[in-house]
Amino acid sequence: MKRELPENLHSTCDLLAGSLQMRSSDQASQMPGELFDDLALRFNRVPAKAASAPSVSWFEKLQSFIARPAFGVAAFAMIILALTLPSMMSPTQGSGFRGANPISPTSEAVHIVLIHAPSEILRDLENSGDFEKGAISAVERVDDTLQGARVMVNFETSEITVVNGNGETTFTTSLPEDPNGLSSAIASAVSRL
């Protein structure tokens, strides 16, 4: 009793037929019908149709996302950052480019007066960031009306003069030959007040 096999069972039939042969001249017996039916049931199954998931609207997806605990923790962290970040970014009083500037309660502001200075030197000193904004001023001649502690940088006489709050000259030195050293020379003069 010979049955016609489907294409996908030919290799299985050959394997089973070959396993029954004792010698190459022996002929394999017919496959029993029950074995054929069992193999056909196992290999000819039609795959089950995948169940389709119910469609979920975007609003329901959003609700599901918001309902998760991780979303609540992340939202809380974002609110805390939004409230504290501006206070962390704003400069604190008394801080500058190089960190905290100690403010002495007994000291007064020191003015740096450039006398007959070239405009590029004034601009370079203001943009250097070494001195407070507004501490540097330029005049064309020596002015006796200036009051308070000051460092006078005279380009006509090539001198740096330190005058204390009482109007007394406490230190005088010559201008450095290298214009790049002017900022450090002024800073050294300011430190003598």
N, C-alpha and C. Protein backbone atom coordinates (compact mmCIF):
# COMPACT_ATOMS: atom_id res chain seq x y z
N MET A 1 0.84 -1.16 0.00
CA MET A 1 0.00 0.00 0.00
C MET A 1 0.90 1.24 0.00
N LYS A 2 0.97 1.84 -1.14
CA LYS A 2 1.83 2.99 -1.34
C LYS A 2 0.99 4.23 -1.31
N ARG A 3 1.40 5.20 -0.51
CA ARG A 3 0.67 6.47 -0.40
C ARG A 3 1.52 7.59 -1.03
N GLU A 4 0.83 8.55 -1.53
CA GLU A 4 1.51 9.74 -2.07
C GLU A 4 1.78 10.68 -0.90
N LEU A 5 3.05 11.04 -0.69
CA LEU A 5 3.43 11.89 0.44
C LEU A 5 3.56 13.34 0.00
N PRO A 6 3.26 14.25 0.93
CA PRO A 6 3.51 15.66 0.63
C PRO A 6 5.02 15.91 0.53
N GLU A 7 5.37 16.97 -0.12
CA GLU A 7 6.75 17.33 -0.41
C GLU A 7 7.62 17.40 0.85
N ASN A 8 7.08 17.96 1.94
CA ASN A 8 7.90 18.17 3.14
C ASN A 8 8.17 16.88 3.90
N LEU A 9 7.51 15.77 3.55
CA LEU A 9 7.74 14.50 4.25
C LEU A 9 8.66 13.53 3.49
N HIS A 10 9.10 13.91 2.29
CA HIS A 10 9.96 13.02 1.52
C HIS A 10 11.28 12.74 2.25
N SER A 11 11.90 13.74 2.81
CA SER A 11 13.19 13.51 3.49
C SER A 11 12.99 12.64 4.73
N THR A 12 11.88 12.80 5.43
CA THR A 12 11.61 11.97 6.61
C THR A 12 11.36 10.53 6.21
N CYS A 13 10.65 10.33 5.12
CA CYS A 13 10.37 8.97 4.63
C CYS A 13 11.65 8.27 4.21
N ASP A 14 12.54 9.01 3.53
CA ASP A 14 13.80 8.41 3.11
C ASP A 14 14.66 8.04 4.31
N LEU A 15 14.66 8.91 5.32
CA LEU A 15 15.43 8.63 6.53
C LEU A 15 14.91 7.37 7.22
N LEU A 16 13.59 7.25 7.34
CA LEU A 16 13.01 6.07 7.99
C LEU A 16 13.23 4.81 7.14
N ALA A 17 13.13 4.96 5.85
CA ALA A 17 13.31 3.79 4.98
C ALA A 17 14.76 3.32 5.04
N GLY A 18 15.69 4.24 5.12
CA GLY A 18 17.10 3.87 5.18
C GLY A 18 17.47 3.23 6.51
N SER A 19 16.75 3.55 7.56
CA SER A 19 17.09 3.00 8.86
C SER A 19 16.63 1.55 9.01
N LEU A 20 15.72 1.10 8.14
CA LEU A 20 15.22 -0.26 8.24
C LEU A 20 16.04 -1.26 7.43
N GLN A 21 16.89 -0.76 6.55
CA GLN A 21 17.68 -1.67 5.70
C GLN A 21 18.84 -2.28 6.50
N MET A 22 18.95 -3.60 6.37
CA MET A 22 20.05 -4.29 7.02
C MET A 22 21.24 -4.39 6.06
N ARG A 23 20.94 -4.65 4.83
CA ARG A 23 21.95 -4.72 3.79
C ARG A 23 21.49 -3.86 2.64
N SER A 24 22.43 -3.50 1.80
CA SER A 24 22.08 -2.62 0.68
C SER A 24 21.14 -3.30 -0.31
N SER A 25 21.09 -4.60 -0.33
CA SER A 25 20.21 -5.31 -1.26
C SER A 25 18.79 -5.47 -0.70
N ASP A 26 18.60 -5.26 0.58
CA ASP A 26 17.27 -5.40 1.19
C ASP A 26 16.37 -4.25 0.77
N GLN A 27 15.12 -4.56 0.63
CA GLN A 27 14.11 -3.54 0.32
C GLN A 27 13.39 -3.21 1.62
N ALA A 28 13.15 -1.94 1.82
CA ALA A 28 12.44 -1.51 3.02
C ALA A 28 10.97 -1.80 2.86
N SER A 29 10.33 -2.14 3.97
CA SER A 29 8.90 -2.41 3.94
C SER A 29 8.12 -1.11 3.86
N GLN A 30 6.87 -1.24 3.56
CA GLN A 30 6.00 -0.07 3.47
C GLN A 30 5.84 0.58 4.83
N MET A 31 5.63 1.91 4.80
CA MET A 31 5.40 2.66 6.03
C MET A 31 4.00 2.34 6.53
N PRO A 32 3.90 2.01 7.82
CA PRO A 32 2.57 1.74 8.36
C PRO A 32 1.68 2.98 8.26
N GLY A 33 0.41 2.76 8.06
CA GLY A 33 -0.54 3.86 7.88
C GLY A 33 -0.64 4.76 9.11
N GLU A 34 -0.55 4.14 10.29
CA GLU A 34 -0.66 4.94 11.51
C GLU A 34 0.52 5.91 11.65
N LEU A 35 1.71 5.44 11.27
CA LEU A 35 2.89 6.31 11.34
C LEU A 35 2.76 7.44 10.33
N PHE A 36 2.23 7.11 9.15
CA PHE A 36 2.02 8.15 8.14
C PHE A 36 1.05 9.21 8.64
N ASP A 37 -0.05 8.76 9.24
CA ASP A 37 -1.04 9.71 9.74
C ASP A 37 -0.46 10.58 10.87
N ASP A 38 0.34 9.94 11.73
CA ASP A 38 0.95 10.68 12.83
C ASP A 38 1.93 11.74 12.30
N LEU A 39 2.75 11.35 11.32
CA LEU A 39 3.69 12.31 10.73
C LEU A 39 2.96 13.44 10.00
N ALA A 40 1.90 13.07 9.31
CA ALA A 40 1.15 14.08 8.57
C ALA A 40 0.54 15.10 9.53
N LEU A 41 0.06 14.61 10.68
CA LEU A 41 -0.51 15.53 11.67
C LEU A 41 0.55 16.47 12.24
N ARG A 42 1.74 15.93 12.46
CA ARG A 42 2.79 16.76 13.07
C ARG A 42 3.35 17.80 12.11
N PHE A 43 3.55 17.43 10.85
CA PHE A 43 4.26 18.31 9.92
C PHE A 43 3.34 19.11 9.01
N ASN A 44 2.11 18.78 8.91
CA ASN A 44 1.21 19.50 8.01
C ASN A 44 0.28 20.45 8.75
N ARG A 45 0.63 20.77 9.94
CA ARG A 45 -0.22 21.69 10.69
C ARG A 45 -0.15 23.08 10.07
N VAL A 46 -1.26 23.73 10.01
CA VAL A 46 -1.31 25.12 9.56
C VAL A 46 -1.06 25.99 10.79
N PRO A 47 -0.13 26.90 10.73
CA PRO A 47 0.13 27.72 11.91
C PRO A 47 -1.12 28.50 12.31
N ALA A 48 -1.28 28.58 13.60
CA ALA A 48 -2.46 29.28 14.12
C ALA A 48 -2.35 30.75 13.77
N LYS A 49 -3.45 31.35 13.46
CA LYS A 49 -3.49 32.76 13.08
C LYS A 49 -3.20 33.59 14.33
N ALA A 50 -2.30 34.54 14.17
CA ALA A 50 -1.92 35.39 15.30
C ALA A 50 -3.11 36.24 15.70
N ALA A 51 -3.32 36.27 16.99
CA ALA A 51 -4.43 37.07 17.50
C ALA A 51 -4.06 38.55 17.38
N SER A 52 -4.93 39.34 16.83
CA SER A 52 -4.64 40.77 16.66
C SER A 52 -4.91 41.49 17.97
N ALA A 53 -3.97 42.36 18.31
CA ALA A 53 -4.12 43.14 19.53
C ALA A 53 -5.15 44.24 19.30
N PRO A 54 -5.93 44.52 20.30
CA PRO A 54 -6.92 45.59 20.11
C PRO A 54 -6.19 46.92 19.93
N SER A 55 -6.71 47.75 19.05
CA SER A 55 -6.06 49.03 18.79
C SER A 55 -6.29 49.97 19.98
N VAL A 56 -5.20 50.67 20.35
CA VAL A 56 -5.24 51.57 21.49
C VAL A 56 -5.02 52.99 20.96
N SER A 57 -5.86 53.89 21.38
CA SER A 57 -5.73 55.27 20.90
C SER A 57 -4.52 55.94 21.54
N TRP A 58 -4.06 57.01 20.95
CA TRP A 58 -2.88 57.72 21.47
C TRP A 58 -3.18 58.31 22.84
N PHE A 59 -4.42 58.69 23.09
CA PHE A 59 -4.78 59.25 24.38
C PHE A 59 -4.66 58.19 25.48
N GLU A 60 -5.08 56.97 25.18
CA GLU A 60 -4.94 55.88 26.14
C GLU A 60 -3.47 55.52 26.37
N LYS A 61 -2.65 55.60 25.30
CA LYS A 61 -1.21 55.36 25.46
C LYS A 61 -0.58 56.43 26.35
N LEU A 62 -0.99 57.68 26.16
CA LEU A 62 -0.48 58.78 26.99
C LEU A 62 -0.89 58.58 28.44
N GLN A 63 -2.14 58.20 28.68
CA GLN A 63 -2.60 57.95 30.05
C GLN A 63 -1.80 56.83 30.70
N SER A 64 -1.53 55.79 29.93
CA SER A 64 -0.75 54.67 30.46
C SER A 64 0.67 55.11 30.80
N PHE A 65 1.26 55.95 29.95
CA PHE A 65 2.62 56.43 30.18
C PHE A 65 2.68 57.31 31.43
N ILE A 66 1.73 58.19 31.61
CA ILE A 66 1.71 59.10 32.76
C ILE A 66 1.45 58.34 34.05
N ALA A 67 0.72 57.25 33.97
CA ALA A 67 0.37 56.49 35.17
C ALA A 67 1.56 55.69 35.73
N ARG A 68 2.64 55.60 35.00
CA ARG A 68 3.80 54.82 35.46
C ARG A 68 4.53 55.59 36.56
N PRO A 69 5.07 54.90 37.56
CA PRO A 69 5.79 55.57 38.65
C PRO A 69 7.05 56.29 38.17
N ALA A 70 7.71 55.75 37.16
CA ALA A 70 8.93 56.39 36.68
C ALA A 70 8.64 57.78 36.12
N PHE A 71 7.49 57.95 35.50
CA PHE A 71 7.12 59.26 34.97
C PHE A 71 6.96 60.26 36.12
N GLY A 72 6.36 59.84 37.20
CA GLY A 72 6.17 60.73 38.35
C GLY A 72 7.49 61.17 38.95
N VAL A 73 8.44 60.24 39.05
CA VAL A 73 9.75 60.57 39.61
C VAL A 73 10.49 61.53 38.67
N ALA A 74 10.43 61.27 37.38
CA ALA A 74 11.11 62.15 36.42
C ALA A 74 10.47 63.54 36.41
N ALA A 75 9.15 63.62 36.48
CA ALA A 75 8.48 64.92 36.51
C ALA A 75 8.86 65.68 37.77
N PHE A 76 8.94 65.00 38.90
CA PHE A 76 9.33 65.66 40.15
C PHE A 76 10.75 66.20 40.05
N ALA A 77 11.66 65.41 39.47
CA ALA A 77 13.05 65.86 39.31
C ALA A 77 13.13 67.07 38.39
N MET A 78 12.34 67.10 37.33
CA MET A 78 12.35 68.24 36.41
C MET A 78 11.83 69.50 37.10
N ILE A 79 10.84 69.37 37.94
CA ILE A 79 10.30 70.53 38.66
C ILE A 79 11.35 71.07 39.62
N ILE A 80 12.02 70.19 40.34
CA ILE A 80 13.06 70.62 41.27
C ILE A 80 14.18 71.33 40.52
N LEU A 81 14.60 70.78 39.38
CA LEU A 81 15.65 71.42 38.58
C LEU A 81 15.20 72.78 38.06
N ALA A 82 13.97 72.87 37.62
CA ALA A 82 13.46 74.15 37.10
C ALA A 82 13.43 75.21 38.18
N LEU A 83 13.19 74.82 39.41
CA LEU A 83 13.13 75.80 40.49
C LEU A 83 14.51 76.19 41.01
N THR A 84 15.46 75.25 41.03
CA THR A 84 16.76 75.53 41.62
C THR A 84 17.82 75.98 40.62
N LEU A 85 17.68 75.65 39.36
CA LEU A 85 18.70 75.98 38.37
C LEU A 85 18.91 77.48 38.22
N PRO A 86 17.88 78.31 38.18
CA PRO A 86 18.14 79.75 38.06
C PRO A 86 18.94 80.31 39.24
N SER A 87 18.68 79.82 40.44
CA SER A 87 19.43 80.33 41.59
C SER A 87 20.88 79.85 41.55
N MET A 88 21.13 78.68 40.98
CA MET A 88 22.50 78.19 40.87
C MET A 88 23.27 78.92 39.77
N MET A 89 22.57 79.39 38.75
CA MET A 89 23.22 80.04 37.62
C MET A 89 23.50 81.52 37.87
N SER A 90 22.71 82.17 38.72
CA SER A 90 22.91 83.61 38.94
C SER A 90 24.15 83.83 39.79
N PRO A 91 24.93 84.86 39.45
CA PRO A 91 26.15 85.11 40.22
C PRO A 91 25.82 85.60 41.62
N THR A 92 26.58 85.13 42.57
CA THR A 92 26.36 85.56 43.94
C THR A 92 27.06 86.88 44.18
N GLN A 93 26.63 87.59 45.16
CA GLN A 93 27.23 88.88 45.44
C GLN A 93 28.65 88.68 45.92
N GLY A 94 29.56 89.47 45.36
CA GLY A 94 30.96 89.37 45.77
C GLY A 94 31.73 88.33 45.00
N SER A 95 31.14 87.73 43.97
CA SER A 95 31.90 86.76 43.20
C SER A 95 32.26 87.38 41.87
N GLY A 96 33.38 86.93 41.35
CA GLY A 96 33.84 87.45 40.08
C GLY A 96 34.30 86.33 39.19
N PHE A 97 35.02 86.69 38.18
CA PHE A 97 35.50 85.71 37.21
C PHE A 97 36.43 84.70 37.84
N ARG A 98 37.23 85.13 38.79
CA ARG A 98 38.22 84.24 39.41
C ARG A 98 37.76 83.72 40.76
N GLY A 99 36.47 83.75 41.03
CA GLY A 99 35.97 83.23 42.29
C GLY A 99 35.54 84.35 43.21
N ALA A 100 35.45 84.03 44.49
CA ALA A 100 34.95 85.00 45.47
C ALA A 100 35.98 86.10 45.69
N ASN A 101 35.52 87.33 45.66
CA ASN A 101 36.38 88.48 45.95
C ASN A 101 36.17 88.87 47.39
N PRO A 102 37.19 88.77 48.21
CA PRO A 102 37.00 89.17 49.61
C PRO A 102 36.80 90.69 49.68
N ILE A 103 35.78 91.10 50.38
CA ILE A 103 35.49 92.52 50.52
C ILE A 103 35.87 92.94 51.93
N SER A 104 36.83 93.83 52.01
CA SER A 104 37.28 94.32 53.30
C SER A 104 36.38 95.47 53.72
N PRO A 105 35.81 95.44 54.92
CA PRO A 105 34.89 96.50 55.32
C PRO A 105 35.58 97.84 55.51
N THR A 106 36.89 97.85 55.77
CA THR A 106 37.59 99.12 56.00
C THR A 106 38.15 99.70 54.72
N SER A 107 38.28 98.89 53.66
CA SER A 107 38.88 99.42 52.44
C SER A 107 37.84 100.13 51.59
N GLU A 108 38.32 101.10 50.84
CA GLU A 108 37.44 101.81 49.93
C GLU A 108 37.85 101.44 48.52
N ALA A 109 37.03 101.81 47.58
CA ALA A 109 37.31 101.46 46.19
C ALA A 109 38.56 102.18 45.72
N VAL A 110 39.38 101.46 44.97
CA VAL A 110 40.61 102.02 44.42
C VAL A 110 40.35 102.39 42.97
N HIS A 111 40.66 103.60 42.61
CA HIS A 111 40.49 104.06 41.23
C HIS A 111 41.83 104.00 40.53
N ILE A 112 41.81 103.57 39.30
CA ILE A 112 43.01 103.54 38.48
C ILE A 112 42.83 104.64 37.44
N VAL A 113 43.72 105.61 37.48
CA VAL A 113 43.62 106.78 36.60
C VAL A 113 44.77 106.71 35.60
N LEU A 114 44.41 106.64 34.32
CA LEU A 114 45.41 106.64 33.26
C LEU A 114 45.54 108.07 32.74
N ILE A 115 46.74 108.62 32.80
CA ILE A 115 46.97 110.00 32.38
C ILE A 115 47.65 109.99 31.02
N HIS A 116 46.97 110.61 30.05
CA HIS A 116 47.46 110.74 28.69
C HIS A 116 47.79 109.35 28.11
N ALA A 117 46.87 108.42 28.28
CA ALA A 117 47.08 107.04 27.83
C ALA A 117 46.58 106.85 26.41
N PRO A 118 47.25 106.04 25.62
CA PRO A 118 46.73 105.68 24.29
C PRO A 118 45.41 104.92 24.45
N SER A 119 44.50 105.12 23.50
CA SER A 119 43.16 104.51 23.61
C SER A 119 43.22 102.98 23.60
N GLU A 120 44.18 102.39 22.88
CA GLU A 120 44.23 100.92 22.83
C GLU A 120 44.66 100.33 24.17
N ILE A 121 45.48 101.05 24.94
CA ILE A 121 45.87 100.55 26.26
C ILE A 121 44.68 100.60 27.22
N LEU A 122 43.91 101.67 27.15
CA LEU A 122 42.71 101.77 27.99
C LEU A 122 41.75 100.62 27.65
N ARG A 123 41.53 100.38 26.38
CA ARG A 123 40.62 99.32 25.95
C ARG A 123 41.14 97.94 26.38
N ASP A 124 42.46 97.71 26.25
CA ASP A 124 43.03 96.42 26.65
C ASP A 124 42.91 96.18 28.15
N LEU A 125 43.12 97.21 28.96
CA LEU A 125 43.00 97.06 30.41
C LEU A 125 41.55 96.80 30.83
N GLU A 126 40.62 97.49 30.18
CA GLU A 126 39.20 97.28 30.52
C GLU A 126 38.73 95.89 30.13
N ASN A 127 39.24 95.36 29.02
CA ASN A 127 38.82 94.04 28.54
C ASN A 127 39.62 92.90 29.14
N SER A 128 40.66 93.20 29.90
CA SER A 128 41.50 92.12 30.45
C SER A 128 40.80 91.32 31.53
N GLY A 129 39.87 91.95 32.24
CA GLY A 129 39.18 91.25 33.32
C GLY A 129 39.97 91.23 34.61
N ASP A 130 41.11 91.93 34.65
CA ASP A 130 41.94 91.96 35.85
C ASP A 130 41.43 92.96 36.88
N PHE A 131 40.67 93.94 36.42
CA PHE A 131 40.20 95.00 37.31
C PHE A 131 38.69 95.10 37.24
N GLU A 132 38.09 95.64 38.31
CA GLU A 132 36.64 95.79 38.35
C GLU A 132 36.19 96.76 37.27
N LYS A 133 34.98 96.52 36.82
CA LYS A 133 34.42 97.38 35.79
C LYS A 133 34.18 98.76 36.39
N GLY A 134 34.58 99.80 35.71
CA GLY A 134 34.40 101.17 36.18
C GLY A 134 35.52 101.67 37.07
N ALA A 135 36.51 100.82 37.38
CA ALA A 135 37.61 101.25 38.24
C ALA A 135 38.67 102.01 37.45
N ILE A 136 38.67 101.86 36.13
CA ILE A 136 39.67 102.51 35.29
C ILE A 136 39.06 103.72 34.62
N SER A 137 39.76 104.84 34.70
CA SER A 137 39.32 106.04 33.99
C SER A 137 40.54 106.67 33.32
N ALA A 138 40.30 107.46 32.30
CA ALA A 138 41.39 108.09 31.56
C ALA A 138 41.19 109.60 31.57
N VAL A 139 42.27 110.34 31.80
CA VAL A 139 42.25 111.81 31.76
C VAL A 139 43.43 112.26 30.90
N GLU A 140 43.37 113.51 30.46
CA GLU A 140 44.44 114.04 29.62
C GLU A 140 45.57 114.68 30.44
N ARG A 141 45.28 115.13 31.67
CA ARG A 141 46.31 115.76 32.50
C ARG A 141 46.06 115.42 33.96
N VAL A 142 47.02 115.69 34.81
CA VAL A 142 46.91 115.41 36.24
C VAL A 142 45.83 116.31 36.81
N ASP A 143 44.89 115.70 37.52
CA ASP A 143 43.76 116.45 38.07
C ASP A 143 43.82 116.35 39.59
N ASP A 144 43.88 117.50 40.28
CA ASP A 144 43.98 117.52 41.74
C ASP A 144 42.62 117.34 42.42
N THR A 145 41.54 117.29 41.64
CA THR A 145 40.23 117.16 42.26
C THR A 145 39.89 115.71 42.58
N LEU A 146 40.70 114.77 42.12
CA LEU A 146 40.44 113.36 42.41
C LEU A 146 40.62 113.08 43.89
N GLN A 147 39.69 112.38 44.48
CA GLN A 147 39.72 112.06 45.90
C GLN A 147 39.79 110.53 46.08
N GLY A 148 40.20 110.09 47.24
CA GLY A 148 40.22 108.67 47.59
C GLY A 148 41.50 107.99 47.15
N ALA A 149 41.59 106.71 47.46
CA ALA A 149 42.77 105.92 47.10
C ALA A 149 42.76 105.70 45.59
N ARG A 150 43.94 105.88 45.01
CA ARG A 150 44.02 105.75 43.56
C ARG A 150 45.44 105.35 43.15
N VAL A 151 45.50 104.77 41.97
CA VAL A 151 46.77 104.46 41.32
C VAL A 151 46.79 105.28 40.04
N MET A 152 47.76 106.17 39.96
CA MET A 152 47.84 107.06 38.80
C MET A 152 48.95 106.55 37.89
N VAL A 153 48.57 106.26 36.64
CA VAL A 153 49.51 105.74 35.65
C VAL A 153 49.73 106.87 34.64
N ASN A 154 50.89 107.51 34.74
CA ASN A 154 51.19 108.68 33.92
C ASN A 154 52.07 108.25 32.75
N PHE A 155 51.53 108.36 31.54
CA PHE A 155 52.28 107.94 30.35
C PHE A 155 53.21 109.06 29.86
N GLU A 156 53.01 110.29 30.34
CA GLU A 156 53.93 111.38 29.96
C GLU A 156 55.25 111.26 30.71
N THR A 157 55.16 110.94 32.01
CA THR A 157 56.37 110.82 32.82
C THR A 157 56.83 109.37 32.98
N SER A 158 56.04 108.41 32.46
CA SER A 158 56.33 106.97 32.54
C SER A 158 56.46 106.50 33.98
N GLU A 159 55.49 106.93 34.83
CA GLU A 159 55.50 106.55 36.24
C GLU A 159 54.15 106.00 36.67
N ILE A 160 54.19 105.13 37.66
CA ILE A 160 52.99 104.65 38.35
C ILE A 160 53.10 105.15 39.77
N THR A 161 52.09 105.93 40.21
CA THR A 161 52.11 106.53 41.53
C THR A 161 50.90 106.04 42.31
N VAL A 162 51.13 105.64 43.57
CA VAL A 162 50.06 105.16 44.44
C VAL A 162 49.77 106.27 45.45
N VAL A 163 48.50 106.69 45.51
CA VAL A 163 48.08 107.74 46.44
C VAL A 163 47.03 107.13 47.36
N ASN A 164 47.21 107.25 48.69
CA ASN A 164 46.25 106.67 49.64
C ASN A 164 45.04 107.59 49.80
N GLY A 165 44.11 107.20 50.64
CA GLY A 165 42.87 107.95 50.85
C GLY A 165 43.09 109.33 51.43
N ASN A 166 44.21 109.58 52.09
CA ASN A 166 44.50 110.90 52.67
C ASN A 166 45.19 111.82 51.67
N GLY A 167 45.48 111.35 50.46
CA GLY A 167 46.14 112.17 49.45
C GLY A 167 47.65 112.09 49.51
N GLU A 168 48.20 111.18 50.27
CA GLU A 168 49.65 111.05 50.41
C GLU A 168 50.17 110.02 49.41
N THR A 169 51.27 110.32 48.78
CA THR A 169 51.92 109.39 47.85
C THR A 169 52.66 108.35 48.68
N THR A 170 52.31 107.07 48.46
CA THR A 170 52.93 106.00 49.25
C THR A 170 53.91 105.16 48.44
N PHE A 171 53.81 105.20 47.11
CA PHE A 171 54.69 104.35 46.30
C PHE A 171 54.77 104.94 44.90
N THR A 172 55.95 104.89 44.31
CA THR A 172 56.16 105.35 42.94
C THR A 172 57.12 104.38 42.26
N THR A 173 56.79 104.02 41.02
CA THR A 173 57.65 103.15 40.22
C THR A 173 57.53 103.56 38.76
N SER A 174 58.43 103.06 37.95
CA SER A 174 58.39 103.40 36.53
C SER A 174 57.52 102.40 35.78
N LEU A 175 57.01 102.82 34.64
CA LEU A 175 56.19 101.94 33.79
C LEU A 175 57.05 100.83 33.22
N PRO A 176 56.50 99.62 33.06
CA PRO A 176 57.29 98.55 32.44
C PRO A 176 57.50 98.85 30.96
N GLU A 177 58.60 98.39 30.42
CA GLU A 177 58.90 98.62 29.01
C GLU A 177 57.98 97.80 28.11
N ASP A 178 57.60 96.62 28.57
CA ASP A 178 56.72 95.76 27.80
C ASP A 178 55.27 96.11 28.12
N PRO A 179 54.45 96.49 27.13
CA PRO A 179 53.04 96.84 27.41
C PRO A 179 52.24 95.67 27.98
N ASN A 180 52.66 94.44 27.74
CA ASN A 180 51.95 93.28 28.28
C ASN A 180 52.11 93.17 29.80
N GLY A 181 53.14 93.79 30.36
CA GLY A 181 53.36 93.74 31.80
C GLY A 181 52.69 94.88 32.55
N LEU A 182 51.95 95.75 31.83
CA LEU A 182 51.32 96.90 32.47
C LEU A 182 50.25 96.47 33.47
N SER A 183 49.45 95.49 33.11
CA SER A 183 48.38 95.03 33.99
C SER A 183 48.93 94.50 35.31
N SER A 184 50.01 93.70 35.25
CA SER A 184 50.58 93.16 36.49
C SER A 184 51.27 94.25 37.30
N ALA A 185 51.84 95.26 36.63
CA ALA A 185 52.48 96.37 37.35
C ALA A 185 51.44 97.18 38.10
N ILE A 186 50.27 97.41 37.47
CA ILE A 186 49.19 98.14 38.13
C ILE A 186 48.65 97.33 39.30
N ALA A 187 48.50 96.03 39.12
CA ALA A 187 48.01 95.17 40.19
C ALA A 187 48.99 95.17 41.37
N SER A 188 50.28 95.18 41.08
CA SER A 188 51.27 95.25 42.14
C SER A 188 51.18 96.58 42.90
N ALA A 189 50.92 97.66 42.17
CA ALA A 189 50.77 98.97 42.80
C ALA A 189 49.52 99.04 43.65
N VAL A 190 48.44 98.42 43.20
CA VAL A 190 47.19 98.40 43.97
C VAL A 190 47.40 97.63 45.26
N SER A 191 48.21 96.61 45.22
CA SER A 191 48.43 95.80 46.43
C SER A 191 49.19 96.56 47.50
N ARG A 192 49.82 97.67 47.16
CA ARG A 192 50.59 98.46 48.13
C ARG A 192 49.70 99.43 48.90
N LEU A 193 48.43 99.52 48.56
CA LEU A 193 47.53 100.42 49.31
C LEU A 193 47.11 99.80 50.62
